[in-house]
Amino acid sequence: MGRRVAIRFVAELQRQAEQTYNNLFTYEQLYQIAQGTPRNKLSWRVGYIAKAYSVREYCCGPPDLHLQIPNMSDFIESLNHHGYLLKKGHRVYKVQTASI
């Protein structure tokens, strides 16, 4: 996977984290952001926000990135290995570079 794809993806994660004041993403959300799933089809909820475990619904979905990622789990593992994502639990990741 190219560096340019990773940079675009992480930049979008940072944008989403700053916009929603939440830097935690589920695997499904990461996949939807990468694929550019249409906004009306997003299941844009996460139940692992801070320690309160409350559910937060977001006002908008990701832009149309349409990244060509053949193996999403390997891509996420690579971002984790390089320090961009931190695995927080089962299929939950924290964006490390967001300033929130």
Protein backbone atom coordinates (compact mmCIF):
# COMPACT_ATOMS: atom_id res chain seq x y z
CA MET A 1 0.00 0.00 0.00
CA GLY A 2 1.39 3.35 -0.98
CA ARG A 3 2.39 6.06 1.43
CA ARG A 4 0.12 8.55 -0.33
CA VAL A 5 -2.95 6.40 0.38
CA ALA A 6 -2.00 6.13 4.05
CA ILE A 7 -1.49 9.90 4.31
CA ARG A 8 -4.89 10.64 2.74
CA PHE A 9 -6.58 8.12 5.02
CA VAL A 10 -4.94 9.37 8.23
CA ALA A 11 -5.68 12.99 7.25
CA GLU A 12 -9.36 12.11 6.91
CA LEU A 13 -9.33 10.31 10.27
CA GLN A 14 -7.81 13.41 11.85
CA ARG A 15 -10.48 15.60 10.25
CA GLN A 16 -13.25 13.34 11.51
CA ALA A 17 -11.69 13.20 15.01
CA GLU A 18 -11.43 16.98 15.23
CA GLN A 19 -14.93 17.50 13.85
CA THR A 20 -16.57 15.09 16.28
CA TYR A 21 -14.21 15.55 19.28
CA ASN A 22 -13.73 11.79 19.26
CA ASN A 23 -10.60 9.99 18.12
CA LEU A 24 -11.96 6.45 18.49
CA PHE A 25 -13.12 4.52 15.43
CA THR A 26 -14.47 1.02 14.98
CA TYR A 27 -13.09 -1.23 12.27
CA GLU A 28 -16.35 -0.80 10.37
CA GLN A 29 -16.03 2.99 10.48
CA LEU A 30 -12.45 2.81 9.24
CA TYR A 31 -13.59 0.60 6.36
CA GLN A 32 -16.48 2.95 5.50
CA ILE A 33 -14.17 5.98 5.51
CA ALA A 34 -11.68 4.26 3.20
CA GLN A 35 -14.34 3.02 0.78
CA GLY A 36 -16.25 6.29 0.66
CA THR A 37 -19.58 4.65 1.52
CA PRO A 38 -22.46 7.00 0.67
CA ARG A 39 -23.41 9.10 3.70
CA ASN A 40 -26.98 7.82 3.87
CA LYS A 41 -25.77 4.23 4.24
CA LEU A 42 -23.34 4.79 7.10
CA SER A 43 -23.81 3.16 10.44
CA TRP A 44 -21.97 6.04 12.05
CA ARG A 45 -22.08 5.17 15.75
CA VAL A 46 -19.49 4.12 18.29
CA GLY A 47 -20.09 2.82 21.79
CA TYR A 48 -16.57 3.17 23.15
CA ILE A 49 -16.35 6.92 23.72
CA ALA A 50 -14.05 7.75 26.61
CA LYS A 51 -14.90 5.81 29.75
CA ALA A 52 -18.58 6.69 29.76
CA TYR A 53 -19.40 4.06 27.09
CA SER A 54 -22.11 6.32 25.74
CA VAL A 55 -23.24 6.19 22.13
CA ARG A 56 -22.62 9.28 20.04
CA GLU A 57 -24.15 9.86 16.63
CA TYR A 58 -22.29 12.02 14.18
CA CYS A 59 -23.79 14.70 12.01
CA CYS A 60 -22.06 13.74 8.80
CA GLY A 61 -20.21 10.90 7.14
CA PRO A 62 -16.85 10.79 5.45
CA PRO A 63 -16.13 12.38 2.09
CA ASP A 64 -15.82 10.22 -0.99
CA LEU A 65 -12.25 8.97 -0.64
CA HIS A 66 -12.74 5.73 -2.61
CA LEU A 67 -9.30 4.43 -1.64
CA GLN A 68 -8.20 1.24 -3.35
CA ILE A 69 -7.17 -0.93 -0.38
CA PRO A 70 -7.05 -4.63 -1.28
CA ASN A 71 -6.67 -5.91 2.31
CA MET A 72 -8.13 -3.53 4.90
CA SER A 73 -7.04 -5.52 7.95
CA ASP A 74 -3.40 -5.51 6.79
CA PHE A 75 -3.64 -1.78 6.05
CA ILE A 76 -4.99 -1.02 9.54
CA GLU A 77 -2.36 -3.28 11.11
CA SER A 78 0.34 -1.38 9.21
CA LEU A 79 -1.01 1.97 10.46
CA ASN A 80 -1.01 0.50 13.96
CA HIS A 81 2.56 -0.73 13.56
CA HIS A 82 3.74 2.72 12.40
CA GLY A 83 2.02 4.51 15.28
CA TYR A 84 -0.85 6.24 13.47
CA LEU A 85 -3.52 4.04 15.05
CA LEU A 86 -3.56 2.51 18.52
CA LYS A 87 -5.65 -0.59 19.07
CA LYS A 88 -7.89 0.10 22.07
CA GLY A 89 -10.03 -3.02 22.12
CA HIS A 90 -11.70 -5.55 19.89
CA ARG A 91 -11.99 -3.78 16.51
CA VAL A 92 -11.68 -0.31 18.10
CA TYR A 93 -8.80 2.03 17.20
CA LYS A 94 -7.63 5.43 18.38
CA VAL A 95 -6.10 7.96 16.00
CA GLN A 96 -2.80 8.94 17.60
CA THR A 97 -2.03 12.04 15.57
CA ALA A 98 -5.29 13.92 16.21
CA SER A 99 -4.94 16.97 18.44
CA ILE A 100 -8.02 16.64 20.61
